[in-house]
Amino acid sequence: MAQLLNLASALEMLGGEKNLLKELLTDFACGKQFKKEELVRLEQMEDKTEAAKYVHYFKGAARQIGAEQFAATAQKLEDTLRGRENGNLEALNEAFEQDLKAANAAINLALKAM
């Protein structure tokens, strides 16, 4: 089962570089911010490619820092936007937003502990 924040896995992917992990966690929490209205706007376009790219950005960043649960949710949303899976966009958007909030809360706790 996917973890909310798997720092051990993230650290392993980064070759044990704790300072880099801290930098990436900070960037995830404080860098490019998700805007639900932007995602919905992109999803309303006939071609969902830009919406998929928007989700892909956050999914990739989540995988890099070990935010496994959010990355899995983002993957489902991206797959639906790319037509690989059928899914309810409204429900997937809600799950995406909730899992992102949970990941950010876990990241903020981890950063305080570092």
PDB file of N, CA and C in Angstrom:
ATOM      1  N   MET A   1       0.843  -1.192   0.000  1.00  0.00           N
ATOM      2  CA  MET A   1       0.000   0.000   0.000  1.00  0.00           C
ATOM      3  C   MET A   1       0.886   1.252   0.000  1.00  0.00           C
ATOM      4  N   ALA A   2       0.471   2.224  -0.737  1.00  0.00           N
ATOM      5  CA  ALA A   2       1.234   3.462  -0.867  1.00  0.00           C
ATOM      6  C   ALA A   2       1.241   4.230   0.462  1.00  0.00           C
ATOM      7  N   GLN A   3       2.392   4.765   0.777  1.00  0.00           N
ATOM      8  CA  GLN A   3       2.537   5.572   1.985  1.00  0.00           C
ATOM      9  C   GLN A   3       2.234   7.029   1.681  1.00  0.00           C
ATOM     10  N   LEU A   4       1.839   7.752   2.703  1.00  0.00           N
ATOM     11  CA  LEU A   4       1.604   9.181   2.545  1.00  0.00           C
ATOM     12  C   LEU A   4       2.902   9.877   2.166  1.00  0.00           C
ATOM     13  N   LEU A   5       3.973   9.575   2.901  1.00  0.00           N
ATOM     14  CA  LEU A   5       5.275  10.168   2.607  1.00  0.00           C
ATOM     15  C   LEU A   5       6.360   9.168   2.971  1.00  0.00           C
ATOM     16  N   ASN A   6       6.984   8.590   1.982  1.00  0.00           N
ATOM     17  CA  ASN A   6       8.016   7.579   2.180  1.00  0.00           C
ATOM     18  C   ASN A   6       9.387   8.239   2.007  1.00  0.00           C
ATOM     19  N   LEU A   7       9.866   8.839   3.094  1.00  0.00           N
ATOM     20  CA  LEU A   7      11.135   9.556   3.037  1.00  0.00           C
ATOM     21  C   LEU A   7      12.318   8.625   2.823  1.00  0.00           C
ATOM     22  N   ALA A   8      12.242   7.408   3.332  1.00  0.00           N
ATOM     23  CA  ALA A   8      13.337   6.446   3.139  1.00  0.00           C
ATOM     24  C   ALA A   8      13.515   6.133   1.657  1.00  0.00           C
ATOM     25  N   SER A   9      12.419   5.929   0.956  1.00  0.00           N
ATOM     26  CA  SER A   9      12.473   5.654  -0.473  1.00  0.00           C
ATOM     27  C   SER A   9      12.996   6.870  -1.240  1.00  0.00           C
ATOM     28  N   ALA A  10      12.505   8.042  -0.877  1.00  0.00           N
ATOM     29  CA  ALA A  10      12.952   9.270  -1.541  1.00  0.00           C
ATOM     30  C   ALA A  10      14.442   9.477  -1.332  1.00  0.00           C
ATOM     31  N   LEU A  11      14.898   9.261  -0.118  1.00  0.00           N
ATOM     32  CA  LEU A  11      16.308   9.430   0.193  1.00  0.00           C
ATOM     33  C   LEU A  11      17.162   8.435  -0.588  1.00  0.00           C
ATOM     34  N   GLU A  12      16.668   7.222  -0.725  1.00  0.00           N
ATOM     35  CA  GLU A  12      17.383   6.208  -1.498  1.00  0.00           C
ATOM     36  C   GLU A  12      17.488   6.626  -2.966  1.00  0.00           C
ATOM     37  N   MET A  13      16.403   7.143  -3.531  1.00  0.00           N
ATOM     38  CA  MET A  13      16.414   7.603  -4.928  1.00  0.00           C
ATOM     39  C   MET A  13      17.381   8.758  -5.131  1.00  0.00           C
ATOM     40  N   LEU A  14      17.596   9.528  -4.075  1.00  0.00           N
ATOM     41  CA  LEU A  14      18.476  10.696  -4.162  1.00  0.00           C
ATOM     42  C   LEU A  14      19.898  10.377  -3.720  1.00  0.00           C
ATOM     43  N   GLY A  15      20.216   9.115  -3.623  1.00  0.00           N
ATOM     44  CA  GLY A  15      21.572   8.722  -3.256  1.00  0.00           C
ATOM     45  C   GLY A  15      21.961   9.121  -1.841  1.00  0.00           C
ATOM     46  N   GLY A  16      20.986   9.228  -0.957  1.00  0.00           N
ATOM     47  CA  GLY A  16      21.268   9.555   0.438  1.00  0.00           C
ATOM     48  C   GLY A  16      21.515  11.032   0.711  1.00  0.00           C
ATOM     49  N   GLU A  17      21.273  11.878  -0.255  1.00  0.00           N
ATOM     50  CA  GLU A  17      21.545  13.314  -0.096  1.00  0.00           C
ATOM     51  C   GLU A  17      20.407  13.995   0.660  1.00  0.00           C
ATOM     52  N   LYS A  18      20.571  14.106   1.980  1.00  0.00           N
ATOM     53  CA  LYS A  18      19.533  14.671   2.840  1.00  0.00           C
ATOM     54  C   LYS A  18      19.247  16.138   2.531  1.00  0.00           C
ATOM     55  N   ASN A  19      20.287  16.899   2.220  1.00  0.00           N
ATOM     56  CA  ASN A  19      20.074  18.312   1.910  1.00  0.00           C
ATOM     57  C   ASN A  19      19.252  18.482   0.634  1.00  0.00           C
ATOM     58  N   LEU A  20      19.499  17.622  -0.357  1.00  0.00           N
ATOM     59  CA  LEU A  20      18.722  17.669  -1.593  1.00  0.00           C
ATOM     60  C   LEU A  20      17.269  17.303  -1.311  1.00  0.00           C
ATOM     61  N   LEU A  21      17.053  16.293  -0.477  1.00  0.00           N
ATOM     62  CA  LEU A  21      15.693  15.910  -0.124  1.00  0.00           C
ATOM     63  C   LEU A  21      14.974  17.070   0.555  1.00  0.00           C
ATOM     64  N   LYS A  22      15.643  17.715   1.484  1.00  0.00           N
ATOM     65  CA  LYS A  22      15.032  18.850   2.173  1.00  0.00           C
ATOM     66  C   LYS A  22      14.692  19.965   1.179  1.00  0.00           C
ATOM     67  N   GLU A  23      15.574  20.206   0.243  1.00  0.00           N
ATOM     68  CA  GLU A  23      15.340  21.224  -0.787  1.00  0.00           C
ATOM     69  C   GLU A  23      14.125  20.854  -1.648  1.00  0.00           C
ATOM     70  N   LEU A  24      14.024  19.588  -2.049  1.00  0.00           N
ATOM     71  CA  LEU A  24      12.904  19.144  -2.878  1.00  0.00           C
ATOM     72  C   LEU A  24      11.582  19.181  -2.110  1.00  0.00           C
ATOM     73  N   LEU A  25      11.626  18.802  -0.841  1.00  0.00           N
ATOM     74  CA  LEU A  25      10.420  18.876  -0.007  1.00  0.00           C
ATOM     75  C   LEU A  25       9.947  20.323   0.128  1.00  0.00           C
ATOM     76  N   THR A  26      10.880  21.209   0.347  1.00  0.00           N
ATOM     77  CA  THR A  26      10.556  22.630   0.471  1.00  0.00           C
ATOM     78  C   THR A  26       9.977  23.158  -0.833  1.00  0.00           C
ATOM     79  N   ASP A  27      10.588  22.782  -1.938  1.00  0.00           N
ATOM     80  CA  ASP A  27      10.099  23.234  -3.242  1.00  0.00           C
ATOM     81  C   ASP A  27       8.700  22.705  -3.516  1.00  0.00           C
ATOM     82  N   PHE A  28       8.448  21.437  -3.157  1.00  0.00           N
ATOM     83  CA  PHE A  28       7.120  20.859  -3.369  1.00  0.00           C
ATOM     84  C   PHE A  28       6.079  21.632  -2.564  1.00  0.00           C
ATOM     85  N   ALA A  29       6.397  21.922  -1.312  1.00  0.00           N
ATOM     86  CA  ALA A  29       5.445  22.596  -0.426  1.00  0.00           C
ATOM     87  C   ALA A  29       5.275  24.082  -0.752  1.00  0.00           C
ATOM     88  N   CYS A  30       6.355  24.714  -1.221  1.00  0.00           N
ATOM     89  CA  CYS A  30       6.331  26.169  -1.378  1.00  0.00           C
ATOM     90  C   CYS A  30       6.483  26.653  -2.824  1.00  0.00           C
ATOM     91  N   GLY A  31       6.808  25.755  -3.732  1.00  0.00           N
ATOM     92  CA  GLY A  31       7.042  26.136  -5.127  1.00  0.00           C
ATOM     93  C   GLY A  31       5.749  26.306  -5.895  1.00  0.00           C
ATOM     94  N   LYS A  32       5.708  25.744  -7.093  1.00  0.00           N
ATOM     95  CA  LYS A  32       4.525  25.840  -7.941  1.00  0.00           C
ATOM     96  C   LYS A  32       3.310  25.299  -7.188  1.00  0.00           C
ATOM     97  N   GLN A  33       2.315  26.148  -7.038  1.00  0.00           N
ATOM     98  CA  GLN A  33       1.124  25.782  -6.268  1.00  0.00           C
ATOM     99  C   GLN A  33       0.016  25.283  -7.187  1.00  0.00           C
ATOM    100  N   PHE A  34      -0.628  24.212  -6.760  1.00  0.00           N
ATOM    101  CA  PHE A  34      -1.761  23.662  -7.490  1.00  0.00           C
ATOM    102  C   PHE A  34      -2.937  24.617  -7.391  1.00  0.00           C
ATOM    103  N   LYS A  35      -3.585  24.839  -8.527  1.00  0.00           N
ATOM    104  CA  LYS A  35      -4.784  25.672  -8.568  1.00  0.00           C
ATOM    105  C   LYS A  35      -5.901  24.849  -9.203  1.00  0.00           C
ATOM    106  N   LYS A  36      -6.878  24.498  -8.382  1.00  0.00           N
ATOM    107  CA  LYS A  36      -7.977  23.657  -8.859  1.00  0.00           C
ATOM    108  C   LYS A  36      -8.692  24.295 -10.041  1.00  0.00           C
ATOM    109  N   GLU A  37      -8.892  25.604  -9.973  1.00  0.00           N
ATOM    110  CA  GLU A  37      -9.598  26.282 -11.062  1.00  0.00           C
ATOM    111  C   GLU A  37      -8.832  26.171 -12.383  1.00  0.00           C
ATOM    112  N   GLU A  38      -7.521  26.140 -12.321  1.00  0.00           N
ATOM    113  CA  GLU A  38      -6.712  25.965 -13.531  1.00  0.00           C
ATOM    114  C   GLU A  38      -6.892  24.563 -14.089  1.00  0.00           C
ATOM    115  N   LEU A  39      -6.886  23.566 -13.223  1.00  0.00           N
ATOM    116  CA  LEU A  39      -7.090  22.191 -13.673  1.00  0.00           C
ATOM    117  C   LEU A  39      -8.467  22.044 -14.315  1.00  0.00           C
ATOM    118  N   VAL A  40      -9.486  22.570 -13.676  1.00  0.00           N
ATOM    119  CA  VAL A  40     -10.847  22.469 -14.214  1.00  0.00           C
ATOM    120  C   VAL A  40     -10.928  23.184 -15.565  1.00  0.00           C
ATOM    121  N   ARG A  41     -10.296  24.347 -15.677  1.00  0.00           N
ATOM    122  CA  ARG A  41     -10.292  25.088 -16.944  1.00  0.00           C
ATOM    123  C   ARG A  41      -9.661  24.241 -18.051  1.00  0.00           C
ATOM    124  N   LEU A  42      -8.531  23.614 -17.750  1.00  0.00           N
ATOM    125  CA  LEU A  42      -7.847  22.784 -18.738  1.00  0.00           C
ATOM    126  C   LEU A  42      -8.662  21.540 -19.087  1.00  0.00           C
ATOM    127  N   GLU A  43      -9.357  20.994 -18.107  1.00  0.00           N
ATOM    128  CA  GLU A  43     -10.177  19.807 -18.342  1.00  0.00           C
ATOM    129  C   GLU A  43     -11.385  20.107 -19.232  1.00  0.00           C
ATOM    130  N   GLN A  44     -11.807  21.342 -19.259  1.00  0.00           N
ATOM    131  CA  GLN A  44     -12.968  21.709 -20.062  1.00  0.00           C
ATOM    132  C   GLN A  44     -12.636  21.842 -21.545  1.00  0.00           C
ATOM    133  N   MET A  45     -11.357  21.835 -21.869  1.00  0.00           N
ATOM    134  CA  MET A  45     -10.950  21.896 -23.269  1.00  0.00           C
ATOM    135  C   MET A  45     -11.240  20.551 -23.934  1.00  0.00           C
ATOM    136  N   GLU A  46     -11.506  20.601 -25.234  1.00  0.00           N
ATOM    137  CA  GLU A  46     -11.772  19.356 -25.953  1.00  0.00           C
ATOM    138  C   GLU A  46     -10.564  18.424 -25.883  1.00  0.00           C
ATOM    139  N   ASP A  47      -9.378  18.982 -26.083  1.00  0.00           N
ATOM    140  CA  ASP A  47      -8.131  18.214 -25.979  1.00  0.00           C
ATOM    141  C   ASP A  47      -7.632  18.330 -24.536  1.00  0.00           C
ATOM    142  N   LYS A  48      -7.568  17.209 -23.865  1.00  0.00           N
ATOM    143  CA  LYS A  48      -7.213  17.178 -22.439  1.00  0.00           C
ATOM    144  C   LYS A  48      -5.700  17.105 -22.208  1.00  0.00           C
ATOM    145  N   THR A  49      -4.903  17.256 -23.259  1.00  0.00           N
ATOM    146  CA  THR A  49      -3.450  17.121 -23.141  1.00  0.00           C
ATOM    147  C   THR A  49      -2.849  18.090 -22.134  1.00  0.00           C
ATOM    148  N   GLU A  50      -3.265  19.334 -22.168  1.00  0.00           N
ATOM    149  CA  GLU A  50      -2.704  20.326 -21.244  1.00  0.00           C
ATOM    150  C   GLU A  50      -3.085  20.018 -19.803  1.00  0.00           C
ATOM    151  N   ALA A  51      -4.284  19.525 -19.592  1.00  0.00           N
ATOM    152  CA  ALA A  51      -4.709  19.123 -18.244  1.00  0.00           C
ATOM    153  C   ALA A  51      -3.853  17.957 -17.765  1.00  0.00           C
ATOM    154  N   ALA A  52      -3.598  17.008 -18.648  1.00  0.00           N
ATOM    155  CA  ALA A  52      -2.751  15.859 -18.298  1.00  0.00           C
ATOM    156  C   ALA A  52      -1.337  16.309 -17.965  1.00  0.00           C
ATOM    157  N   LYS A  53      -0.805  17.253 -18.710  1.00  0.00           N
ATOM    158  CA  LYS A  53       0.540  17.784 -18.441  1.00  0.00           C
ATOM    159  C   LYS A  53       0.590  18.481 -17.081  1.00  0.00           C
ATOM    160  N   TYR A  54      -0.473  19.211 -16.768  1.00  0.00           N
ATOM    161  CA  TYR A  54      -0.553  19.916 -15.485  1.00  0.00           C
ATOM    162  C   TYR A  54      -0.493  18.922 -14.333  1.00  0.00           C
ATOM    163  N   VAL A  55      -1.271  17.863 -14.422  1.00  0.00           N
ATOM    164  CA  VAL A  55      -1.288  16.817 -13.401  1.00  0.00           C
ATOM    165  C   VAL A  55       0.047  16.085 -13.371  1.00  0.00           C
ATOM    166  N   HIS A  56       0.615  15.827 -14.538  1.00  0.00           N
ATOM    167  CA  HIS A  56       1.885  15.097 -14.651  1.00  0.00           C
ATOM    168  C   HIS A  56       3.008  15.814 -13.879  1.00  0.00           C
ATOM    169  N   TYR A  57       3.037  17.117 -13.946  1.00  0.00           N
ATOM    170  CA  TYR A  57       4.055  17.893 -13.226  1.00  0.00           C
ATOM    171  C   TYR A  57       4.024  17.567 -11.731  1.00  0.00           C
ATOM    172  N   PHE A  58       2.848  17.624 -11.149  1.00  0.00           N
ATOM    173  CA  PHE A  58       2.715  17.372  -9.714  1.00  0.00           C
ATOM    174  C   PHE A  58       2.987  15.907  -9.373  1.00  0.00           C
ATOM    175  N   LYS A  59       2.551  15.010 -10.258  1.00  0.00           N
ATOM    176  CA  LYS A  59       2.790  13.575 -10.042  1.00  0.00           C
ATOM    177  C   LYS A  59       4.294  13.284 -10.020  1.00  0.00           C
ATOM    178  N   GLY A  60       5.022  13.838 -10.969  1.00  0.00           N
ATOM    179  CA  GLY A  60       6.460  13.606 -11.034  1.00  0.00           C
ATOM    180  C   GLY A  60       7.182  14.134  -9.809  1.00  0.00           C
ATOM    181  N   ALA A  61       6.807  15.312  -9.379  1.00  0.00           N
ATOM    182  CA  ALA A  61       7.417  15.891  -8.189  1.00  0.00           C
ATOM    183  C   ALA A  61       7.098  15.045  -6.957  1.00  0.00           C
ATOM    184  N   ALA A  62       5.878  14.548  -6.881  1.00  0.00           N
ATOM    185  CA  ALA A  62       5.467  13.716  -5.743  1.00  0.00           C
ATOM    186  C   ALA A  62       6.269  12.427  -5.692  1.00  0.00           C
ATOM    187  N   ARG A  63       6.469  11.806  -6.832  1.00  0.00           N
ATOM    188  CA  ARG A  63       7.251  10.566  -6.867  1.00  0.00           C
ATOM    189  C   ARG A  63       8.679  10.804  -6.401  1.00  0.00           C
ATOM    190  N   GLN A  64       9.234  11.923  -6.778  1.00  0.00           N
ATOM    191  CA  GLN A  64      10.620  12.239  -6.428  1.00  0.00           C
ATOM    192  C   GLN A  64      10.822  12.383  -4.924  1.00  0.00           C
ATOM    193  N   ILE A  65       9.795  12.831  -4.218  1.00  0.00           N
ATOM    194  CA  ILE A  65       9.932  13.050  -2.770  1.00  0.00           C
ATOM    195  C   ILE A  65       9.285  11.951  -1.940  1.00  0.00           C
ATOM    196  N   GLY A  66       8.749  10.927  -2.597  1.00  0.00           N
ATOM    197  CA  GLY A  66       8.160   9.809  -1.860  1.00  0.00           C
ATOM    198  C   GLY A  66       6.732  10.022  -1.398  1.00  0.00           C
ATOM    199  N   ALA A  67       6.017  10.969  -2.007  1.00  0.00           N
ATOM    200  CA  ALA A  67       4.606  11.185  -1.683  1.00  0.00           C
ATOM    201  C   ALA A  67       3.793  10.175  -2.498  1.00  0.00           C
ATOM    202  N   GLU A  68       3.859   8.925  -2.070  1.00  0.00           N
ATOM    203  CA  GLU A  68       3.347   7.797  -2.854  1.00  0.00           C
ATOM    204  C   GLU A  68       1.831   7.823  -3.046  1.00  0.00           C
ATOM    205  N   GLN A  69       1.096   8.101  -2.010  1.00  0.00           N
ATOM    206  CA  GLN A  69      -0.369   8.097  -2.093  1.00  0.00           C
ATOM    207  C   GLN A  69      -0.840   9.160  -3.083  1.00  0.00           C
ATOM    208  N   PHE A  70      -0.310  10.360  -2.963  1.00  0.00           N
ATOM    209  CA  PHE A  70      -0.685  11.437  -3.879  1.00  0.00           C
ATOM    210  C   PHE A  70      -0.253  11.105  -5.305  1.00  0.00           C
ATOM    211  N   ALA A  71       0.937  10.555  -5.475  1.00  0.00           N
ATOM    212  CA  ALA A  71       1.418  10.199  -6.816  1.00  0.00           C
ATOM    213  C   ALA A  71       0.498   9.169  -7.468  1.00  0.00           C
ATOM    214  N   ALA A  72       0.013   8.209  -6.687  1.00  0.00           N
ATOM    215  CA  ALA A  72      -0.894   7.191  -7.222  1.00  0.00           C
ATOM    216  C   ALA A  72      -2.225   7.813  -7.655  1.00  0.00           C
ATOM    217  N   THR A  73      -2.738   8.716  -6.857  1.00  0.00           N
ATOM    218  CA  THR A  73      -3.983   9.404  -7.204  1.00  0.00           C
ATOM    219  C   THR A  73      -3.788  10.256  -8.457  1.00  0.00           C
ATOM    220  N   ALA A  74      -2.670  10.953  -8.517  1.00  0.00           N
ATOM    221  CA  ALA A  74      -2.359  11.780  -9.682  1.00  0.00           C
ATOM    222  C   ALA A  74      -2.227  10.921 -10.938  1.00  0.00           C
ATOM    223  N   GLN A  75      -1.654   9.730 -10.796  1.00  0.00           N
ATOM    224  CA  GLN A  75      -1.514   8.822 -11.939  1.00  0.00           C
ATOM    225  C   GLN A  75      -2.884   8.430 -12.478  1.00  0.00           C
ATOM    226  N   LYS A  76      -3.827   8.137 -11.587  1.00  0.00           N
ATOM    227  CA  LYS A  76      -5.188   7.776 -12.018  1.00  0.00           C
ATOM    228  C   LYS A  76      -5.837   8.930 -12.771  1.00  0.00           C
ATOM    229  N   LEU A  77      -5.675  10.140 -12.256  1.00  0.00           N
ATOM    230  CA  LEU A  77      -6.254  11.309 -12.910  1.00  0.00           C
ATOM    231  C   LEU A  77      -5.592  11.527 -14.265  1.00  0.00           C
ATOM    232  N   GLU A  78      -4.281  11.439 -14.309  1.00  0.00           N
ATOM    233  CA  GLU A  78      -3.572  11.630 -15.579  1.00  0.00           C
ATOM    234  C   GLU A  78      -3.992  10.570 -16.597  1.00  0.00           C
ATOM    235  N   ASP A  79      -4.087   9.324 -16.176  1.00  0.00           N
ATOM    236  CA  ASP A  79      -4.496   8.248 -17.083  1.00  0.00           C
ATOM    237  C   ASP A  79      -5.903   8.488 -17.628  1.00  0.00           C
ATOM    238  N   THR A  80      -6.786   9.006 -16.808  1.00  0.00           N
ATOM    239  CA  THR A  80      -8.145   9.322 -17.263  1.00  0.00           C
ATOM    240  C   THR A  80      -8.107  10.464 -18.270  1.00  0.00           C
ATOM    241  N   LEU A  81      -7.323  11.489 -17.982  1.00  0.00           N
ATOM    242  CA  LEU A  81      -7.219  12.626 -18.900  1.00  0.00           C
ATOM    243  C   LEU A  81      -6.606  12.220 -20.244  1.00  0.00           C
ATOM    244  N   ARG A  82      -5.715  11.260 -20.220  1.00  0.00           N
ATOM    245  CA  ARG A  82      -5.074  10.794 -21.457  1.00  0.00           C
ATOM    246  C   ARG A  82      -5.890   9.712 -22.165  1.00  0.00           C
ATOM    247  N   GLY A  83      -7.043   9.348 -21.583  1.00  0.00           N
ATOM    248  CA  GLY A  83      -7.918   8.368 -22.207  1.00  0.00           C
ATOM    249  C   GLY A  83      -7.486   6.923 -22.015  1.00  0.00           C
ATOM    250  N   ARG A  84      -6.547   6.678 -21.121  1.00  0.00           N
ATOM    251  CA  ARG A  84      -6.080   5.317 -20.834  1.00  0.00           C
ATOM    252  C   ARG A  84      -7.025   4.568 -19.912  1.00  0.00           C
ATOM    253  N   GLU A  85      -7.775   5.328 -19.120  1.00  0.00           N
ATOM    254  CA  GLU A  85      -8.741   4.758 -18.181  1.00  0.00           C
ATOM    255  C   GLU A  85     -10.011   5.593 -18.243  1.00  0.00           C
ATOM    256  N   ASN A  86     -11.106   4.980 -17.829  1.00  0.00           N
ATOM    257  CA  ASN A  86     -12.349   5.724 -17.663  1.00  0.00           C
ATOM    258  C   ASN A  86     -12.450   6.121 -16.201  1.00  0.00           C
ATOM    259  N   GLY A  87     -12.880   7.336 -15.970  1.00  0.00           N
ATOM    260  CA  GLY A  87     -13.014   7.784 -14.592  1.00  0.00           C
ATOM    261  C   GLY A  87     -13.858   9.034 -14.512  1.00  0.00           C
ATOM    262  N   ASN A  88     -14.347   9.304 -13.340  1.00  0.00           N
ATOM    263  CA  ASN A  88     -15.142  10.492 -13.070  1.00  0.00           C
ATOM    264  C   ASN A  88     -14.185  11.623 -12.702  1.00  0.00           C
ATOM    265  N   LEU A  89     -14.063  12.607 -13.584  1.00  0.00           N
ATOM    266  CA  LEU A  89     -13.100  13.685 -13.351  1.00  0.00           C
ATOM    267  C   LEU A  89     -13.388  14.454 -12.065  1.00  0.00           C
ATOM    268  N   GLU A  90     -14.639  14.687 -11.778  1.00  0.00           N
ATOM    269  CA  GLU A  90     -14.971  15.437 -10.566  1.00  0.00           C
ATOM    270  C   GLU A  90     -14.482  14.690  -9.322  1.00  0.00           C
ATOM    271  N   ALA A  91     -14.735  13.398  -9.260  1.00  0.00           N
ATOM    272  CA  ALA A  91     -14.293  12.593  -8.115  1.00  0.00           C
ATOM    273  C   ALA A  91     -12.771  12.484  -8.076  1.00  0.00           C
ATOM    274  N   LEU A  92     -12.160  12.318  -9.232  1.00  0.00           N
ATOM    275  CA  LEU A  92     -10.692  12.233  -9.281  1.00  0.00           C
ATOM    276  C   LEU A  92     -10.048  13.555  -8.886  1.00  0.00           C
ATOM    277  N   ASN A  93     -10.630  14.665  -9.317  1.00  0.00           N
ATOM    278  CA  ASN A  93     -10.114  15.982  -8.926  1.00  0.00           C
ATOM    279  C   ASN A  93     -10.184  16.163  -7.421  1.00  0.00           C
ATOM    280  N   GLU A  94     -11.281  15.733  -6.829  1.00  0.00           N
ATOM    281  CA  GLU A  94     -11.454  15.852  -5.375  1.00  0.00           C
ATOM    282  C   GLU A  94     -10.412  15.009  -4.639  1.00  0.00           C
ATOM    283  N   ALA A  95     -10.204  13.785  -5.102  1.00  0.00           N
ATOM    284  CA  ALA A  95      -9.205  12.905  -4.483  1.00  0.00           C
ATOM    285  C   ALA A  95      -7.806  13.491  -4.658  1.00  0.00           C
ATOM    286  N   PHE A  96      -7.532  14.040  -5.831  1.00  0.00           N
ATOM    287  CA  PHE A  96      -6.241  14.668  -6.127  1.00  0.00           C
ATOM    288  C   PHE A  96      -5.981  15.803  -5.136  1.00  0.00           C
ATOM    289  N   GLU A  97      -6.967  16.661  -4.980  1.00  0.00           N
ATOM    290  CA  GLU A  97      -6.817  17.810  -4.094  1.00  0.00           C
ATOM    291  C   GLU A  97      -6.651  17.382  -2.633  1.00  0.00           C
ATOM    292  N   GLN A  98      -7.443  16.405  -2.189  1.00  0.00           N
ATOM    293  CA  GLN A  98      -7.356  15.938  -0.804  1.00  0.00           C
ATOM    294  C   GLN A  98      -6.014  15.258  -0.522  1.00  0.00           C
ATOM    295  N   ASP A  99      -5.566  14.415  -1.452  1.00  0.00           N
ATOM    296  CA  ASP A  99      -4.288  13.734  -1.252  1.00  0.00           C
ATOM    297  C   ASP A  99      -3.118  14.710  -1.315  1.00  0.00           C
ATOM    298  N   LEU A 100      -3.242  15.747  -2.115  1.00  0.00           N
ATOM    299  CA  LEU A 100      -2.200  16.776  -2.158  1.00  0.00           C
ATOM    300  C   LEU A 100      -2.133  17.515  -0.816  1.00  0.00           C
ATOM    301  N   LYS A 101      -3.277  17.832  -0.260  1.00  0.00           N
ATOM    302  CA  LYS A 101      -3.299  18.495   1.056  1.00  0.00           C
ATOM    303  C   LYS A 101      -2.663  17.604   2.120  1.00  0.00           C
ATOM    304  N   ALA A 102      -2.986  16.319   2.088  1.00  0.00           N
ATOM    305  CA  ALA A 102      -2.408  15.379   3.057  1.00  0.00           C
ATOM    306  C   ALA A 102      -0.902  15.268   2.873  1.00  0.00           C
ATOM    307  N   ALA A 103      -0.455  15.221   1.639  1.00  0.00           N
ATOM    308  CA  ALA A 103       0.994  15.148   1.360  1.00  0.00           C
ATOM    309  C   ALA A 103       1.689  16.407   1.867  1.00  0.00           C
ATOM    310  N   ASN A 104       1.108  17.561   1.608  1.00  0.00           N
ATOM    311  CA  ASN A 104       1.713  18.813   2.067  1.00  0.00           C
ATOM    312  C   ASN A 104       1.777  18.883   3.589  1.00  0.00           C
ATOM    313  N   ALA A 105       0.764  18.395   4.264  1.00  0.00           N
ATOM    314  CA  ALA A 105       0.781  18.376   5.728  1.00  0.00           C
ATOM    315  C   ALA A 105       1.910  17.476   6.229  1.00  0.00           C
ATOM    316  N   ALA A 106       2.064  16.301   5.602  1.00  0.00           N
ATOM    317  CA  ALA A 106       3.145  15.386   5.992  1.00  0.00           C
ATOM    318  C   ALA A 106       4.510  15.991   5.695  1.00  0.00           C
ATOM    319  N   ILE A 107       4.621  16.689   4.590  1.00  0.00           N
ATOM    320  CA  ILE A 107       5.881  17.339   4.219  1.00  0.00           C
ATOM    321  C   ILE A 107       6.230  18.412   5.236  1.00  0.00           C
ATOM    322  N   ASN A 108       5.251  19.214   5.607  1.00  0.00           N
ATOM    323  CA  ASN A 108       5.511  20.281   6.587  1.00  0.00           C
ATOM    324  C   ASN A 108       5.977  19.703   7.921  1.00  0.00           C
ATOM    325  N   LEU A 109       5.383  18.597   8.344  1.00  0.00           N
ATOM    326  CA  LEU A 109       5.837  17.921   9.572  1.00  0.00           C
ATOM    327  C   LEU A 109       7.259  17.393   9.416  1.00  0.00           C
ATOM    328  N   ALA A 110       7.543  16.808   8.278  1.00  0.00           N
ATOM    329  CA  ALA A 110       8.885  16.262   8.035  1.00  0.00           C
ATOM    330  C   ALA A 110       9.933  17.374   8.021  1.00  0.00           C
ATOM    331  N   LEU A 111       9.602  18.499   7.413  1.00  0.00           N
ATOM    332  CA  LEU A 111      10.551  19.611   7.356  1.00  0.00           C
ATOM    333  C   LEU A 111      10.831  20.171   8.750  1.00  0.00           C
ATOM    334  N   LYS A 112       9.824  20.209   9.586  1.00  0.00           N
ATOM    335  CA  LYS A 112      10.025  20.684  10.967  1.00  0.00           C
ATOM    336  C   LYS A 112      10.934  19.748  11.748  1.00  0.00           C
ATOM    337  N   ALA A 113      10.882  18.473  11.412  1.00  0.00           N
ATOM    338  CA  ALA A 113      11.687  17.473  12.112  1.00  0.00           C
ATOM    339  C   ALA A 113      13.121  17.412  11.599  1.00  0.00           C
ATOM    340  N   MET A 114      13.390  18.013  10.457  1.00  0.00           N
ATOM    341  CA  MET A 114      14.737  17.933   9.855  1.00  0.00           C
ATOM    342  C   MET A 114      15.682  18.968  10.440  1.00  0.00           C
TER     343      MET A 114
END
